[in-house]
């Protein structure tokens, strides 16, 4: 039979783990209690860390998508890749807003704060296209520029091909790779993000049209 004795170190480690677990459990219990009191998630809010960006939940294609948006003008929808969320477009939101566009970065279905349907069949490219079309409707626009990278590039590409009536696109452009941006002379990730924003702006139609 194995020796069941414990060293002083084992006992101290176990005690520390119990204390830490209890400390983390209290905030979780408090949050659960607040939700149990009937509080619902807000439909629109601003994060103090990025006060220039507005967040809201949008009904589209039978689900709710969380979107982050900034600026006014021609609508541009930015589709993130896997396994990301709207936050990957945080640098481009401000740049596009400053250039006179209404930049919107959603969490795609199944990601972030957006709804996550349980059925695997609810994650086809046609569902994603329907989400984009519904998002254009919900944002009171007739058409939108839809850009993306990684899986988001596939969604933007297919939306332009299958729903040209809702997608404003002077040209179809595949995803701009990070490595290619670095070859433009980016010295670091922040510089690469800025260069990527410049490339995206160069591909967009005149915002006044």
C-alpha atoms as a PDB file:
ATOM      1  CA  UNK A   1       0.000   0.000   0.000  1.00  0.00           C
ATOM      2  CA  UNK A   2       1.477   3.390  -0.961  1.00  0.00           C
ATOM      3  CA  UNK A   3       2.576   5.771   1.767  1.00  0.00           C
ATOM      4  CA  UNK A   4      -0.326   8.196   2.438  1.00  0.00           C
ATOM      5  CA  UNK A   5       1.687  10.679   4.516  1.00  0.00           C
ATOM      6  CA  UNK A   6       1.970  14.304   3.402  1.00  0.00           C
ATOM      7  CA  UNK A   7       4.871  16.679   3.814  1.00  0.00           C
ATOM      8  CA  UNK A   8       4.522  20.128   5.309  1.00  0.00           C
ATOM      9  CA  UNK A   9       5.009  21.570   1.813  1.00  0.00           C
ATOM     10  CA  UNK A  10       2.095  19.491   0.471  1.00  0.00           C
ATOM     11  CA  UNK A  11      -0.173  20.683   3.283  1.00  0.00           C
ATOM     12  CA  UNK A  12       0.776  24.353   2.759  1.00  0.00           C
ATOM     13  CA  UNK A  13       0.250  24.044  -1.005  1.00  0.00           C
ATOM     14  CA  UNK A  14      -3.197  22.473  -0.518  1.00  0.00           C
ATOM     15  CA  UNK A  15      -4.158  25.150   1.996  1.00  0.00           C
ATOM     16  CA  UNK A  16      -3.048  27.925  -0.356  1.00  0.00           C
ATOM     17  CA  UNK A  17      -5.068  26.405  -3.191  1.00  0.00           C
ATOM     18  CA  UNK A  18      -8.192  26.308  -1.024  1.00  0.00           C
ATOM     19  CA  UNK A  19      -7.745  29.963  -0.003  1.00  0.00           C
ATOM     20  CA  UNK A  20      -7.221  31.053  -3.618  1.00  0.00           C
ATOM     21  CA  UNK A  21     -10.253  29.065  -4.746  1.00  0.00           C
ATOM     22  CA  UNK A  22     -12.425  30.674  -2.116  1.00  0.00           C
ATOM     23  CA  UNK A  23     -11.191  34.144  -3.080  1.00  0.00           C
ATOM     24  CA  UNK A  24     -12.082  33.604  -6.746  1.00  0.00           C
ATOM     25  CA  UNK A  25     -15.394  31.968  -5.900  1.00  0.00           C
ATOM     26  CA  UNK A  26     -16.833  35.001  -4.105  1.00  0.00           C
ATOM     27  CA  UNK A  27     -16.814  37.369  -7.140  1.00  0.00           C
ATOM     28  CA  UNK A  28     -18.292  34.595  -9.288  1.00  0.00           C
ATOM     29  CA  UNK A  29     -21.067  34.004  -6.760  1.00  0.00           C
ATOM     30  CA  UNK A  30     -21.785  37.740  -6.617  1.00  0.00           C
ATOM     31  CA  UNK A  31     -21.960  37.954 -10.419  1.00  0.00           C
ATOM     32  CA  UNK A  32     -24.274  34.956 -10.564  1.00  0.00           C
ATOM     33  CA  UNK A  33     -26.492  36.510  -7.914  1.00  0.00           C
ATOM     34  CA  UNK A  34     -26.712  39.754  -9.882  1.00  0.00           C
ATOM     35  CA  UNK A  35     -27.750  37.884 -13.013  1.00  0.00           C
ATOM     36  CA  UNK A  36     -30.280  35.941 -10.989  1.00  0.00           C
ATOM     37  CA  UNK A  37     -31.943  39.166  -9.919  1.00  0.00           C
ATOM     38  CA  UNK A  38     -33.250  39.664 -13.436  1.00  0.00           C
ATOM     39  CA  UNK A  39     -30.522  41.936 -14.793  1.00  0.00           C
ATOM     40  CA  UNK A  40     -30.110  41.671 -18.563  1.00  0.00           C
ATOM     41  CA  UNK A  41     -27.123  42.428 -20.763  1.00  0.00           C
ATOM     42  CA  UNK A  42     -27.231  46.023 -22.048  1.00  0.00           C
ATOM     43  CA  UNK A  43     -28.022  46.495 -25.722  1.00  0.00           C
ATOM     44  CA  UNK A  44     -25.499  49.335 -26.058  1.00  0.00           C
ATOM     45  CA  UNK A  45     -22.481  50.338 -23.999  1.00  0.00           C
ATOM     46  CA  UNK A  46     -19.057  52.018 -24.028  1.00  0.00           C
ATOM     47  CA  UNK A  47     -15.915  50.479 -22.553  1.00  0.00           C
ATOM     48  CA  UNK A  48     -13.884  52.957 -20.517  1.00  0.00           C
ATOM     49  CA  UNK A  49     -10.678  51.466 -21.972  1.00  0.00           C
ATOM     50  CA  UNK A  50     -11.733  52.549 -25.495  1.00  0.00           C
ATOM     51  CA  UNK A  51     -14.386  55.258 -25.002  1.00  0.00           C
ATOM     52  CA  UNK A  52     -14.372  56.222 -28.673  1.00  0.00           C
ATOM     53  CA  UNK A  53     -15.783  52.791 -29.638  1.00  0.00           C
ATOM     54  CA  UNK A  54     -19.490  52.035 -29.122  1.00  0.00           C
ATOM     55  CA  UNK A  55     -20.640  48.462 -28.522  1.00  0.00           C
ATOM     56  CA  UNK A  56     -24.119  47.063 -29.093  1.00  0.00           C
ATOM     57  CA  UNK A  57     -26.039  43.859 -29.688  1.00  0.00           C
ATOM     58  CA  UNK A  58     -27.696  43.689 -33.109  1.00  0.00           C
ATOM     59  CA  UNK A  59     -30.483  41.338 -34.192  1.00  0.00           C
ATOM     60  CA  UNK A  60     -29.601  39.753 -37.531  1.00  0.00           C
ATOM     61  CA  UNK A  61     -30.503  36.551 -39.354  1.00  0.00           C
ATOM     62  CA  UNK A  62     -32.218  35.052 -36.319  1.00  0.00           C
ATOM     63  CA  UNK A  63     -29.346  35.618 -33.880  1.00  0.00           C
ATOM     64  CA  UNK A  64     -27.722  38.488 -31.990  1.00  0.00           C
ATOM     65  CA  UNK A  65     -24.305  39.749 -33.023  1.00  0.00           C
ATOM     66  CA  UNK A  66     -22.099  41.906 -30.857  1.00  0.00           C
ATOM     67  CA  UNK A  67     -20.576  44.759 -32.854  1.00  0.00           C
ATOM     68  CA  UNK A  68     -18.036  47.461 -32.086  1.00  0.00           C
ATOM     69  CA  UNK A  69     -18.415  50.603 -34.172  1.00  0.00           C
ATOM     70  CA  UNK A  70     -16.864  53.991 -34.660  1.00  0.00           C
ATOM     71  CA  UNK A  71     -17.362  56.921 -37.035  1.00  0.00           C
ATOM     72  CA  UNK A  72     -20.013  58.011 -39.512  1.00  0.00           C
ATOM     73  CA  UNK A  73     -20.278  57.703 -43.272  1.00  0.00           C
ATOM     74  CA  UNK A  74     -20.109  54.831 -45.725  1.00  0.00           C
ATOM     75  CA  UNK A  75     -20.579  51.533 -43.869  1.00  0.00           C
ATOM     76  CA  UNK A  76     -17.577  49.208 -43.680  1.00  0.00           C
ATOM     77  CA  UNK A  77     -17.925  45.813 -41.984  1.00  0.00           C
ATOM     78  CA  UNK A  78     -14.693  44.191 -40.819  1.00  0.00           C
ATOM     79  CA  UNK A  79     -14.781  40.393 -40.384  1.00  0.00           C
ATOM     80  CA  UNK A  80     -12.190  38.891 -38.058  1.00  0.00           C
ATOM     81  CA  UNK A  81     -10.366  35.587 -38.436  1.00  0.00           C
ATOM     82  CA  UNK A  82      -9.996  32.429 -36.357  1.00  0.00           C
ATOM     83  CA  UNK A  83      -9.808  32.327 -33.386  1.00  0.00           C
ATOM     84  CA  UNK A  84     -10.284  36.055 -32.881  1.00  0.00           C
ATOM     85  CA  UNK A  85     -13.002  38.644 -32.251  1.00  0.00           C
ATOM     86  CA  UNK A  86     -13.795  42.290 -33.082  1.00  0.00           C
ATOM     87  CA  UNK A  87     -10.719  43.393 -31.092  1.00  0.00           C
ATOM     88  CA  UNK A  88      -8.339  42.354 -33.869  1.00  0.00           C
ATOM     89  CA  UNK A  89      -9.661  45.367 -35.855  1.00  0.00           C
ATOM     90  CA  UNK A  90      -9.279  47.901 -33.014  1.00  0.00           C
ATOM     91  CA  UNK A  91      -6.554  49.887 -34.787  1.00  0.00           C
ATOM     92  CA  UNK A  92      -8.446  50.033 -38.093  1.00  0.00           C
ATOM     93  CA  UNK A  93     -11.691  51.226 -36.458  1.00  0.00           C
ATOM     94  CA  UNK A  94     -10.136  54.535 -35.466  1.00  0.00           C
ATOM     95  CA  UNK A  95      -8.263  54.993 -38.739  1.00  0.00           C
ATOM     96  CA  UNK A  96     -11.372  54.373 -40.843  1.00  0.00           C
ATOM     97  CA  UNK A  97     -13.537  56.600 -38.639  1.00  0.00           C
ATOM     98  CA  UNK A  98     -11.004  59.403 -38.984  1.00  0.00           C
ATOM     99  CA  UNK A  99     -11.091  58.949 -42.771  1.00  0.00           C
ATOM    100  CA  UNK A 100     -14.866  59.479 -42.784  1.00  0.00           C
ATOM    101  CA  UNK A 101     -16.292  55.948 -42.655  1.00  0.00           C
ATOM    102  CA  UNK A 102     -18.694  54.123 -40.356  1.00  0.00           C
ATOM    103  CA  UNK A 103     -16.458  51.217 -39.315  1.00  0.00           C
ATOM    104  CA  UNK A 104     -18.148  48.192 -37.745  1.00  0.00           C
ATOM    105  CA  UNK A 105     -16.322  45.116 -36.415  1.00  0.00           C
ATOM    106  CA  UNK A 106     -18.670  42.303 -35.349  1.00  0.00           C
ATOM    107  CA  UNK A 107     -17.956  39.209 -33.351  1.00  0.00           C
ATOM    108  CA  UNK A 108     -18.902  36.548 -35.905  1.00  0.00           C
ATOM    109  CA  UNK A 109     -21.480  33.951 -34.890  1.00  0.00           C
ATOM    110  CA  UNK A 110     -19.987  31.611 -32.336  1.00  0.00           C
ATOM    111  CA  UNK A 111     -17.345  34.131 -31.209  1.00  0.00           C
ATOM    112  CA  UNK A 112     -17.045  36.643 -28.388  1.00  0.00           C
ATOM    113  CA  UNK A 113     -20.330  38.086 -27.113  1.00  0.00           C
ATOM    114  CA  UNK A 114     -22.306  37.030 -30.186  1.00  0.00           C
ATOM    115  CA  UNK A 115     -24.812  34.186 -30.045  1.00  0.00           C
ATOM    116  CA  UNK A 116     -23.500  30.636 -30.355  1.00  0.00           C
ATOM    117  CA  UNK A 117     -26.117  28.345 -31.916  1.00  0.00           C
ATOM    118  CA  UNK A 118     -25.837  24.792 -30.621  1.00  0.00           C
ATOM    119  CA  UNK A 119     -26.435  23.119 -33.987  1.00  0.00           C
ATOM    120  CA  UNK A 120     -23.331  22.501 -36.091  1.00  0.00           C
ATOM    121  CA  UNK A 121     -25.468  23.065 -39.207  1.00  0.00           C
ATOM    122  CA  UNK A 122     -25.861  26.723 -38.193  1.00  0.00           C
ATOM    123  CA  UNK A 123     -22.258  27.564 -39.089  1.00  0.00           C
ATOM    124  CA  UNK A 124     -22.226  27.342 -42.882  1.00  0.00           C
ATOM    125  CA  UNK A 125     -20.883  30.087 -45.124  1.00  0.00           C
ATOM    126  CA  UNK A 126     -24.486  30.833 -46.128  1.00  0.00           C
ATOM    127  CA  UNK A 127     -25.330  31.530 -42.477  1.00  0.00           C
ATOM    128  CA  UNK A 128     -22.372  33.904 -42.273  1.00  0.00           C
ATOM    129  CA  UNK A 129     -23.454  35.673 -45.457  1.00  0.00           C
ATOM    130  CA  UNK A 130     -26.969  35.981 -44.036  1.00  0.00           C
ATOM    131  CA  UNK A 131     -25.478  37.540 -40.898  1.00  0.00           C
ATOM    132  CA  UNK A 132     -23.677  40.165 -42.981  1.00  0.00           C
ATOM    133  CA  UNK A 133     -26.757  41.002 -45.054  1.00  0.00           C
ATOM    134  CA  UNK A 134     -28.868  41.219 -41.899  1.00  0.00           C
ATOM    135  CA  UNK A 135     -26.242  43.436 -40.299  1.00  0.00           C
ATOM    136  CA  UNK A 136     -26.380  45.821 -43.252  1.00  0.00           C
ATOM    137  CA  UNK A 137     -30.175  45.980 -42.809  1.00  0.00           C
ATOM    138  CA  UNK A 138     -29.943  46.480 -39.041  1.00  0.00           C
ATOM    139  CA  UNK A 139     -27.506  49.363 -39.522  1.00  0.00           C
ATOM    140  CA  UNK A 140     -29.938  51.080 -41.922  1.00  0.00           C
ATOM    141  CA  UNK A 141     -27.655  50.845 -44.954  1.00  0.00           C
ATOM    142  CA  UNK A 142     -28.439  49.721 -48.484  1.00  0.00           C
ATOM    143  CA  UNK A 143     -24.960  48.411 -49.185  1.00  0.00           C
ATOM    144  CA  UNK A 144     -21.648  48.092 -47.381  1.00  0.00           C
ATOM    145  CA  UNK A 145     -17.997  47.452 -48.009  1.00  0.00           C
ATOM    146  CA  UNK A 146     -17.261  44.104 -46.353  1.00  0.00           C
ATOM    147  CA  UNK A 147     -13.600  43.330 -45.661  1.00  0.00           C
ATOM    148  CA  UNK A 148     -11.949  40.520 -43.761  1.00  0.00           C
ATOM    149  CA  UNK A 149      -8.945  38.307 -43.194  1.00  0.00           C
ATOM    150  CA  UNK A 150      -8.553  34.589 -42.582  1.00  0.00           C
ATOM    151  CA  UNK A 151     -12.076  33.075 -42.327  1.00  0.00           C
ATOM    152  CA  UNK A 152     -13.398  36.644 -42.422  1.00  0.00           C
ATOM    153  CA  UNK A 153     -11.866  37.047 -45.878  1.00  0.00           C
ATOM    154  CA  UNK A 154     -13.859  34.023 -47.105  1.00  0.00           C
ATOM    155  CA  UNK A 155     -17.053  35.539 -45.700  1.00  0.00           C
ATOM    156  CA  UNK A 156     -16.431  38.938 -47.306  1.00  0.00           C
ATOM    157  CA  UNK A 157     -15.482  37.309 -50.618  1.00  0.00           C
ATOM    158  CA  UNK A 158     -18.559  35.075 -50.765  1.00  0.00           C
ATOM    159  CA  UNK A 159     -20.871  37.903 -49.695  1.00  0.00           C
ATOM    160  CA  UNK A 160     -19.585  40.020 -52.573  1.00  0.00           C
ATOM    161  CA  UNK A 161     -20.048  37.109 -55.008  1.00  0.00           C
ATOM    162  CA  UNK A 162     -23.498  35.930 -53.885  1.00  0.00           C
ATOM    163  CA  UNK A 163     -25.049  39.218 -52.719  1.00  0.00           C
ATOM    164  CA  UNK A 164     -23.579  41.959 -54.912  1.00  0.00           C
ATOM    165  CA  UNK A 165     -26.798  43.918 -54.358  1.00  0.00           C
ATOM    166  CA  UNK A 166     -25.804  44.434 -50.692  1.00  0.00           C
ATOM    167  CA  UNK A 167     -22.027  44.516 -50.983  1.00  0.00           C
ATOM    168  CA  UNK A 168     -20.334  47.609 -52.316  1.00  0.00           C
ATOM    169  CA  UNK A 169     -17.061  46.544 -53.856  1.00  0.00           C
ATOM    170  CA  UNK A 170     -15.090  48.193 -56.664  1.00  0.00           C
ATOM    171  CA  UNK A 171     -12.740  45.201 -56.643  1.00  0.00           C
ATOM    172  CA  UNK A 172     -12.529  41.854 -54.851  1.00  0.00           C
ATOM    173  CA  UNK A 173      -9.321  41.687 -52.856  1.00  0.00           C
ATOM    174  CA  UNK A 174      -8.109  38.558 -51.015  1.00  0.00           C
ATOM    175  CA  UNK A 175      -6.747  38.814 -47.505  1.00  0.00           C
ATOM    176  CA  UNK A 176      -3.605  40.929 -47.164  1.00  0.00           C
ATOM    177  CA  UNK A 177      -1.096  38.698 -45.385  1.00  0.00           C
ATOM    178  CA  UNK A 178       0.784  39.891 -42.324  1.00  0.00           C
ATOM    179  CA  UNK A 179       4.084  38.812 -43.910  1.00  0.00           C
ATOM    180  CA  UNK A 180       3.381  40.985 -46.951  1.00  0.00           C
ATOM    181  CA  UNK A 181       2.665  43.968 -44.706  1.00  0.00           C
ATOM    182  CA  UNK A 182       6.019  43.419 -43.020  1.00  0.00           C
ATOM    183  CA  UNK A 183       7.698  43.561 -46.427  1.00  0.00           C
ATOM    184  CA  UNK A 184       6.239  47.049 -46.834  1.00  0.00           C
ATOM    185  CA  UNK A 185       8.686  48.103 -44.141  1.00  0.00           C
ATOM    186  CA  UNK A 186       6.795  47.559 -40.876  1.00  0.00           C
ATOM    187  CA  UNK A 187       9.215  47.690 -37.941  1.00  0.00           C
ATOM    188  CA  UNK A 188       6.865  46.132 -35.361  1.00  0.00           C
ATOM    189  CA  UNK A 189       3.282  44.964 -34.850  1.00  0.00           C
ATOM    190  CA  UNK A 190       1.932  48.493 -34.269  1.00  0.00           C
ATOM    191  CA  UNK A 191       3.588  49.719 -37.465  1.00  0.00           C
ATOM    192  CA  UNK A 192       2.267  46.661 -39.320  1.00  0.00           C
ATOM    193  CA  UNK A 193      -1.277  47.450 -38.158  1.00  0.00           C
ATOM    194  CA  UNK A 194      -0.886  51.033 -39.407  1.00  0.00           C
ATOM    195  CA  UNK A 195       0.429  49.833 -42.770  1.00  0.00           C
ATOM    196  CA  UNK A 196      -2.478  47.384 -42.990  1.00  0.00           C
ATOM    197  CA  UNK A 197      -4.919  50.216 -42.419  1.00  0.00           C
ATOM    198  CA  UNK A 198      -3.299  52.219 -45.214  1.00  0.00           C
ATOM    199  CA  UNK A 199      -3.596  49.273 -47.609  1.00  0.00           C
ATOM    200  CA  UNK A 200      -7.271  48.816 -46.683  1.00  0.00           C
ATOM    201  CA  UNK A 201      -7.997  52.510 -47.228  1.00  0.00           C
ATOM    202  CA  UNK A 202      -6.363  52.343 -50.648  1.00  0.00           C
ATOM    203  CA  UNK A 203      -8.741  49.540 -51.647  1.00  0.00           C
ATOM    204  CA  UNK A 204     -11.915  51.344 -50.578  1.00  0.00           C
ATOM    205  CA  UNK A 205     -14.228  53.326 -52.853  1.00  0.00           C
ATOM    206  CA  UNK A 206     -14.635  57.058 -52.424  1.00  0.00           C
ATOM    207  CA  UNK A 207     -16.575  57.517 -49.182  1.00  0.00           C
ATOM    208  CA  UNK A 208     -18.666  60.279 -50.704  1.00  0.00           C
ATOM    209  CA  UNK A 209     -20.265  57.998 -53.309  1.00  0.00           C
END
